[in-house]
Amino acid sequence: AEPSAVPSAPATPGGGSGSGTSQPSAVASPAPTQVGAVPVGAPDTGVAPVASGKGGDGTALGAGLGGAVLVAGAGAFVLRRRAKARG
């Protein structure tokens, strides 16, 4: 089925027949997680940029630098202990 650019009508609360006497809910509805319609001319990829693997370069770089700092710190610690043991 091809997605439509026209949003669908909201469902009536409680599965009613749509008599128009329903009261608004006191509980706030959660924010939608996906866009209901794609603007004209925009590509409909169906996948968010972060979920598709794009934009993760900063995370990989940060993890790599963090690992390098950890290894350098451990090496410095070992060298200081050896130097202190020698006297």
N, C-alpha and C. Protein backbone atom coordinates (compact mmCIF):
# COMPACT_ATOMS: atom_id res chain seq x y z
N ALA A 1 0.84 -1.18 0.00
CA ALA A 1 0.00 0.00 0.00
C ALA A 1 0.88 1.24 0.00
N GLU A 2 0.57 2.17 -0.86
CA GLU A 2 1.34 3.41 -0.99
C GLU A 2 0.93 4.36 0.12
N PRO A 3 1.88 4.98 0.85
CA PRO A 3 1.51 5.92 1.91
C PRO A 3 0.83 7.15 1.33
N SER A 4 -0.10 7.67 2.08
CA SER A 4 -0.86 8.84 1.65
C SER A 4 -0.33 10.08 2.34
N ALA A 5 -0.36 11.22 1.64
CA ALA A 5 0.07 12.48 2.22
C ALA A 5 -1.02 13.11 3.07
N VAL A 6 -2.22 12.54 3.03
CA VAL A 6 -3.34 13.06 3.81
C VAL A 6 -3.39 12.32 5.13
N PRO A 7 -3.38 13.05 6.26
CA PRO A 7 -3.43 12.35 7.55
C PRO A 7 -4.78 11.69 7.76
N SER A 8 -4.76 10.56 8.43
CA SER A 8 -6.01 9.85 8.70
C SER A 8 -6.73 10.49 9.88
N ALA A 9 -8.04 10.27 9.94
CA ALA A 9 -8.85 10.82 11.03
C ALA A 9 -8.52 10.09 12.32
N PRO A 10 -8.48 10.81 13.45
CA PRO A 10 -8.17 10.14 14.71
C PRO A 10 -9.28 9.19 15.12
N ALA A 11 -8.90 8.11 15.77
CA ALA A 11 -9.88 7.13 16.24
C ALA A 11 -10.65 7.70 17.41
N THR A 12 -11.88 7.29 17.53
CA THR A 12 -12.70 7.77 18.65
C THR A 12 -12.28 7.02 19.90
N PRO A 13 -12.21 7.70 21.06
CA PRO A 13 -11.78 7.03 22.29
C PRO A 13 -12.78 5.95 22.69
N GLY A 14 -12.28 4.85 23.16
CA GLY A 14 -13.13 3.78 23.65
C GLY A 14 -13.77 2.97 22.55
N GLY A 15 -13.40 3.19 21.31
CA GLY A 15 -13.97 2.41 20.21
C GLY A 15 -15.43 2.72 19.97
N GLY A 16 -15.87 3.91 20.30
CA GLY A 16 -17.28 4.27 20.14
C GLY A 16 -17.68 4.42 18.69
N SER A 17 -18.95 4.73 18.48
CA SER A 17 -19.46 4.85 17.12
C SER A 17 -19.31 6.25 16.59
N GLY A 18 -18.69 7.16 17.34
CA GLY A 18 -18.47 8.50 16.85
C GLY A 18 -19.70 9.38 17.02
N SER A 19 -20.38 9.28 18.15
CA SER A 19 -21.60 10.05 18.38
C SER A 19 -21.31 11.52 18.66
N GLY A 20 -20.04 11.87 18.91
CA GLY A 20 -19.69 13.27 19.12
C GLY A 20 -19.86 13.73 20.56
N THR A 21 -20.13 12.83 21.47
CA THR A 21 -20.33 13.22 22.87
C THR A 21 -19.13 12.88 23.73
N SER A 22 -18.01 12.51 23.13
CA SER A 22 -16.85 12.11 23.93
C SER A 22 -16.20 13.34 24.56
N GLN A 23 -15.68 13.17 25.77
CA GLN A 23 -15.02 14.23 26.50
C GLN A 23 -13.52 14.13 26.24
N PRO A 24 -12.81 15.26 26.21
CA PRO A 24 -11.35 15.18 26.05
C PRO A 24 -10.72 14.51 27.26
N SER A 25 -9.65 13.78 27.01
CA SER A 25 -8.98 13.04 28.07
C SER A 25 -8.18 14.00 28.94
N ALA A 26 -8.14 13.74 30.25
CA ALA A 26 -7.37 14.56 31.17
C ALA A 26 -5.89 14.20 31.12
N VAL A 27 -5.57 13.03 30.58
CA VAL A 27 -4.19 12.57 30.49
C VAL A 27 -3.63 13.02 29.14
N ALA A 28 -2.46 13.66 29.18
CA ALA A 28 -1.84 14.12 27.95
C ALA A 28 -1.38 12.93 27.12
N SER A 29 -1.64 12.98 25.84
CA SER A 29 -1.22 11.88 24.97
C SER A 29 0.28 12.00 24.71
N PRO A 30 0.96 10.88 24.56
CA PRO A 30 2.40 10.93 24.31
C PRO A 30 2.70 11.55 22.94
N ALA A 31 3.88 12.13 22.82
CA ALA A 31 4.28 12.75 21.57
C ALA A 31 4.44 11.68 20.50
N PRO A 32 4.03 11.98 19.27
CA PRO A 32 4.18 10.98 18.21
C PRO A 32 5.65 10.72 17.92
N THR A 33 5.97 9.48 17.56
CA THR A 33 7.35 9.12 17.30
C THR A 33 7.70 9.14 15.83
N GLN A 34 6.69 9.18 14.97
CA GLN A 34 6.95 9.22 13.54
C GLN A 34 6.10 10.30 12.90
N VAL A 35 6.56 10.77 11.76
CA VAL A 35 5.83 11.79 11.02
C VAL A 35 4.66 11.13 10.34
N GLY A 36 3.49 11.78 10.39
CA GLY A 36 2.29 11.22 9.77
C GLY A 36 2.28 11.36 8.26
N ALA A 37 2.89 12.41 7.74
CA ALA A 37 2.88 12.63 6.29
C ALA A 37 4.24 13.16 5.86
N VAL A 38 4.63 12.81 4.65
CA VAL A 38 5.90 13.27 4.09
C VAL A 38 5.62 14.47 3.20
N PRO A 39 6.33 15.59 3.38
CA PRO A 39 6.10 16.76 2.55
C PRO A 39 6.38 16.47 1.07
N VAL A 40 5.72 17.19 0.21
CA VAL A 40 5.89 17.00 -1.23
C VAL A 40 7.34 17.30 -1.61
N GLY A 41 7.94 16.40 -2.35
CA GLY A 41 9.31 16.58 -2.81
C GLY A 41 10.36 16.01 -1.87
N ALA A 42 9.97 15.64 -0.65
CA ALA A 42 10.93 15.08 0.30
C ALA A 42 11.02 13.57 0.10
N PRO A 43 12.22 12.99 0.20
CA PRO A 43 12.33 11.54 0.06
C PRO A 43 11.76 10.84 1.28
N ASP A 44 10.99 9.80 1.05
CA ASP A 44 10.42 9.02 2.14
C ASP A 44 11.30 7.79 2.36
N THR A 45 12.32 7.94 3.20
CA THR A 45 13.24 6.84 3.43
C THR A 45 12.70 5.86 4.46
N GLY A 46 11.87 6.34 5.36
CA GLY A 46 11.30 5.48 6.38
C GLY A 46 12.23 5.21 7.54
N VAL A 47 13.46 5.72 7.49
CA VAL A 47 14.44 5.47 8.55
C VAL A 47 15.01 6.81 8.99
N ALA A 48 15.06 7.04 10.28
CA ALA A 48 15.65 8.26 10.81
C ALA A 48 17.15 8.26 10.54
N PRO A 49 17.77 9.44 10.32
CA PRO A 49 19.21 9.48 10.01
C PRO A 49 20.09 8.81 11.06
N VAL A 50 19.79 8.96 12.34
CA VAL A 50 20.61 8.37 13.39
C VAL A 50 20.46 6.85 13.40
N ALA A 51 19.21 6.38 13.16
CA ALA A 51 18.96 4.94 13.18
C ALA A 51 19.60 4.25 11.98
N SER A 52 19.82 4.96 10.89
CA SER A 52 20.39 4.34 9.70
C SER A 52 21.91 4.25 9.77
N GLY A 53 22.52 4.74 10.83
CA GLY A 53 23.96 4.63 10.98
C GLY A 53 24.70 5.90 10.66
N LYS A 54 24.03 6.91 10.19
CA LYS A 54 24.69 8.18 9.89
C LYS A 54 24.80 8.99 11.17
N GLY A 55 25.82 9.77 11.29
CA GLY A 55 25.96 10.64 12.45
C GLY A 55 26.62 9.98 13.64
N GLY A 56 27.12 8.77 13.50
CA GLY A 56 27.77 8.08 14.60
C GLY A 56 29.26 8.27 14.64
N ASP A 57 29.81 9.11 13.75
CA ASP A 57 31.25 9.31 13.70
C ASP A 57 31.79 9.93 14.97
N GLY A 58 31.04 10.88 15.54
CA GLY A 58 31.47 11.53 16.77
C GLY A 58 31.54 10.55 17.93
N THR A 59 30.61 9.63 17.99
CA THR A 59 30.61 8.63 19.06
C THR A 59 31.81 7.70 18.93
N ALA A 60 32.09 7.25 17.71
CA ALA A 60 33.23 6.36 17.50
C ALA A 60 34.54 7.07 17.80
N LEU A 61 34.64 8.32 17.41
CA LEU A 61 35.86 9.09 17.67
C LEU A 61 36.05 9.29 19.17
N GLY A 62 34.99 9.63 19.87
CA GLY A 62 35.07 9.82 21.31
C GLY A 62 35.45 8.54 22.04
N ALA A 63 34.88 7.41 21.61
CA ALA A 63 35.21 6.14 22.25
C ALA A 63 36.66 5.76 21.99
N GLY A 64 37.13 6.03 20.77
CA GLY A 64 38.52 5.72 20.46
C GLY A 64 39.49 6.56 21.25
N LEU A 65 39.20 7.85 21.37
CA LEU A 65 40.08 8.74 22.16
C LEU A 65 40.04 8.37 23.64
N GLY A 66 38.86 8.01 24.12
CA GLY A 66 38.74 7.61 25.52
C GLY A 66 39.55 6.35 25.81
N GLY A 67 39.52 5.40 24.88
CA GLY A 67 40.31 4.19 25.04
C GLY A 67 41.80 4.47 25.02
N ALA A 68 42.21 5.38 24.14
CA ALA A 68 43.63 5.74 24.06
C ALA A 68 44.11 6.39 25.35
N VAL A 69 43.29 7.26 25.91
CA VAL A 69 43.65 7.92 27.17
C VAL A 69 43.74 6.89 28.30
N LEU A 70 42.82 5.94 28.30
CA LEU A 70 42.84 4.90 29.33
C LEU A 70 44.11 4.05 29.25
N VAL A 71 44.49 3.66 28.04
CA VAL A 71 45.70 2.85 27.86
C VAL A 71 46.95 3.64 28.24
N ALA A 72 47.00 4.92 27.84
CA ALA A 72 48.15 5.76 28.19
C ALA A 72 48.25 5.95 29.70
N GLY A 73 47.13 6.13 30.36
CA GLY A 73 47.14 6.30 31.81
C GLY A 73 47.60 5.03 32.52
N ALA A 74 47.14 3.88 32.04
CA ALA A 74 47.56 2.61 32.65
C ALA A 74 49.06 2.39 32.44
N GLY A 75 49.56 2.74 31.26
CA GLY A 75 51.00 2.59 30.98
C GLY A 75 51.83 3.49 31.87
N ALA A 76 51.38 4.72 32.06
CA ALA A 76 52.12 5.65 32.93
C ALA A 76 52.11 5.15 34.37
N PHE A 77 51.00 4.58 34.81
CA PHE A 77 50.90 4.05 36.17
C PHE A 77 51.89 2.91 36.38
N VAL A 78 51.97 2.00 35.40
CA VAL A 78 52.88 0.86 35.51
C VAL A 78 54.34 1.33 35.52
N LEU A 79 54.66 2.27 34.64
CA LEU A 79 56.04 2.77 34.59
C LEU A 79 56.44 3.48 35.88
N ARG A 80 55.52 4.22 36.47
CA ARG A 80 55.84 4.90 37.75
C ARG A 80 56.06 3.90 38.87
N ARG A 81 55.26 2.83 38.88
CA ARG A 81 55.43 1.82 39.92
C ARG A 81 56.76 1.09 39.77
N ARG A 82 57.15 0.81 38.51
CA ARG A 82 58.44 0.14 38.29
C ARG A 82 59.60 1.04 38.71
N ALA A 83 59.51 2.32 38.38
CA ALA A 83 60.58 3.26 38.74
C ALA A 83 60.67 3.42 40.25
N LYS A 84 59.53 3.40 40.92
CA LYS A 84 59.52 3.56 42.38
C LYS A 84 60.07 2.30 43.04
N ALA A 85 59.82 1.13 42.45
CA ALA A 85 60.30 -0.11 43.03
C ALA A 85 61.82 -0.24 42.92
N ARG A 86 62.39 0.35 41.88
CA ARG A 86 63.85 0.30 41.70
C ARG A 86 64.56 1.20 42.72
N GLY A 87 63.88 2.24 43.12
CA GLY A 87 64.47 3.10 44.13
C GLY A 87 65.01 4.30 43.57
